[in-house]
């Protein structure tokens, strides 16, 4: 990943998640290697109050690979200040014939090499047709 300070914040967060998800779904590389390529060893994500550390993130890859959802990210706005990024985006996902749209409010910090150090996310399901 390119460093945050050299990329438009909206493009950075879209590229980050797109590449991470592609690496998870398009190969059989060990989950730990993928997580470590995109996250620092001390990564902590808090999504809707649920704390996810490196080990839990690695464990999460197994069901994602099994279910093989397709997704795309629509970034509505993003801003960066130094190593911190705030964004509001909609994650569109399809899995087993079900379409989902999830609005995400993201606040994160990134290492100089572009890996995620921490993230706090609040989400809400968006009713179909109202995105």
Protein backbone atom coordinates (compact mmCIF):
# COMPACT_ATOMS: atom_id res chain seq x y z
CA UNK A 1 0.00 0.00 0.00
CA UNK A 2 1.23 3.50 -0.69
CA UNK A 3 1.58 5.78 2.32
CA UNK A 4 -1.53 7.76 3.27
CA UNK A 5 0.27 11.09 2.88
CA UNK A 6 0.87 10.42 -0.84
CA UNK A 7 -2.69 9.52 -1.83
CA UNK A 8 -6.13 11.13 -1.91
CA UNK A 9 -7.82 9.91 1.32
CA UNK A 10 -10.93 8.60 -0.48
CA UNK A 11 -8.81 6.70 -2.99
CA UNK A 12 -6.52 5.42 -0.22
CA UNK A 13 -9.31 3.83 1.85
CA UNK A 14 -11.04 2.39 -1.23
CA UNK A 15 -7.77 0.92 -2.52
CA UNK A 16 -6.88 -0.43 0.93
CA UNK A 17 -10.08 -2.42 1.39
CA UNK A 18 -10.33 -3.46 -2.27
CA UNK A 19 -6.80 -4.88 -2.25
CA UNK A 20 -7.22 -6.54 1.16
CA UNK A 21 -10.45 -8.26 0.08
CA UNK A 22 -8.98 -9.27 -3.29
CA UNK A 23 -5.99 -10.90 -1.57
CA UNK A 24 -8.31 -12.77 0.80
CA UNK A 25 -10.58 -14.11 -1.94
CA UNK A 26 -8.28 -14.58 -4.93
CA UNK A 27 -5.72 -16.92 -3.46
CA UNK A 28 -4.87 -19.45 -0.85
CA UNK A 29 -2.10 -17.50 0.84
CA UNK A 30 -2.02 -17.91 4.62
CA UNK A 31 -4.45 -15.55 6.34
CA UNK A 32 -1.75 -14.30 8.73
CA UNK A 33 0.45 -13.20 5.83
CA UNK A 34 -2.40 -11.22 4.29
CA UNK A 35 -3.37 -9.60 7.59
CA UNK A 36 0.25 -8.66 8.28
CA UNK A 37 0.67 -7.12 4.83
CA UNK A 38 -2.20 -4.70 5.48
CA UNK A 39 -2.10 -4.26 9.28
CA UNK A 40 0.51 -3.62 11.93
CA UNK A 41 1.06 -6.42 14.51
CA UNK A 42 -0.71 -4.39 17.20
CA UNK A 43 -3.82 -3.71 15.08
CA UNK A 44 -7.03 -3.11 16.98
CA UNK A 45 -10.30 -2.49 15.22
CA UNK A 46 -13.48 -1.67 17.09
CA UNK A 47 -16.58 -2.16 14.95
CA UNK A 48 -19.89 -1.29 16.58
CA UNK A 49 -18.31 -1.89 19.99
CA UNK A 50 -16.75 -5.25 19.05
CA UNK A 51 -12.97 -5.32 19.53
CA UNK A 52 -11.00 -7.18 16.86
CA UNK A 53 -7.27 -7.72 17.27
CA UNK A 54 -4.82 -9.40 14.89
CA UNK A 55 -5.78 -12.95 15.92
CA UNK A 56 -9.51 -12.30 15.55
CA UNK A 57 -8.93 -10.66 12.19
CA UNK A 58 -7.03 -13.74 11.00
CA UNK A 59 -9.83 -16.00 12.29
CA UNK A 60 -12.40 -13.87 10.42
CA UNK A 61 -10.79 -14.68 7.06
CA UNK A 62 -11.83 -18.36 7.12
CA UNK A 63 -15.61 -17.69 6.93
CA UNK A 64 -15.08 -14.89 4.41
CA UNK A 65 -13.21 -17.29 2.15
CA UNK A 66 -15.92 -19.92 2.63
CA UNK A 67 -18.82 -17.57 1.87
CA UNK A 68 -17.00 -15.68 -0.93
CA UNK A 69 -19.03 -12.47 -0.90
CA UNK A 70 -18.62 -9.95 -3.67
CA UNK A 71 -18.36 -6.34 -2.62
CA UNK A 72 -17.68 -2.84 -3.73
CA UNK A 73 -17.07 0.31 -1.77
CA UNK A 74 -18.58 3.70 -2.50
CA UNK A 75 -16.66 6.43 -0.66
CA UNK A 76 -18.84 9.48 -0.01
CA UNK A 77 -16.25 11.59 1.77
CA UNK A 78 -12.84 11.20 3.36
CA UNK A 79 -10.30 13.42 5.03
CA UNK A 80 -6.81 12.81 6.37
CA UNK A 81 -4.61 14.59 8.88
CA UNK A 82 -1.14 13.12 9.19
CA UNK A 83 -1.54 9.38 9.84
CA UNK A 84 -5.27 9.61 10.62
CA UNK A 85 -8.13 9.13 8.22
CA UNK A 86 -11.87 9.66 8.60
CA UNK A 87 -14.29 8.43 5.97
CA UNK A 88 -17.93 7.80 5.33
CA UNK A 89 -18.62 5.09 2.80
CA UNK A 90 -21.18 2.52 1.79
CA UNK A 91 -20.12 -1.09 1.49
CA UNK A 92 -22.24 -2.93 -1.07
CA UNK A 93 -22.01 -6.70 -0.68
CA UNK A 94 -23.69 -9.70 -2.22
CA UNK A 95 -23.62 -13.15 -0.71
CA UNK A 96 -25.77 -16.21 -1.38
CA UNK A 97 -28.25 -14.19 -3.44
CA UNK A 98 -28.69 -11.50 -0.79
CA UNK A 99 -27.67 -7.90 -1.45
CA UNK A 100 -26.58 -5.73 1.47
CA UNK A 101 -25.68 -2.08 1.77
CA UNK A 102 -23.91 -0.96 4.93
CA UNK A 103 -23.06 2.65 5.67
CA UNK A 104 -19.76 2.93 7.53
CA UNK A 105 -18.29 5.78 9.53
CA UNK A 106 -14.57 5.01 9.74
CA UNK A 107 -11.89 6.62 11.90
CA UNK A 108 -8.45 5.07 11.62
CA UNK A 109 -4.70 5.51 11.92
CA UNK A 110 -2.10 4.15 9.53
CA UNK A 111 1.62 3.42 9.75
CA UNK A 112 4.04 5.29 7.46
CA UNK A 113 4.11 2.25 5.13
CA UNK A 114 0.31 2.35 4.64
CA UNK A 115 -0.64 -0.49 6.99
CA UNK A 116 -3.58 0.06 9.32
CA UNK A 117 -2.68 0.55 13.01
CA UNK A 118 -6.15 1.10 14.44
CA UNK A 119 -9.73 1.66 13.38
CA UNK A 120 -13.04 2.55 14.92
CA UNK A 121 -16.14 1.96 12.83
CA UNK A 122 -19.83 2.60 13.29
CA UNK A 123 -22.14 0.93 10.83
CA UNK A 124 -25.78 0.80 9.90
CA UNK A 125 -27.67 -1.23 7.35
CA UNK A 126 -29.12 0.91 4.61
CA UNK A 127 -32.55 -0.13 3.34
CA UNK A 128 -32.50 -1.19 -0.32
CA UNK A 129 -33.02 1.65 -2.75
CA UNK A 130 -32.15 4.44 -0.28
CA UNK A 131 -28.39 4.52 -0.69
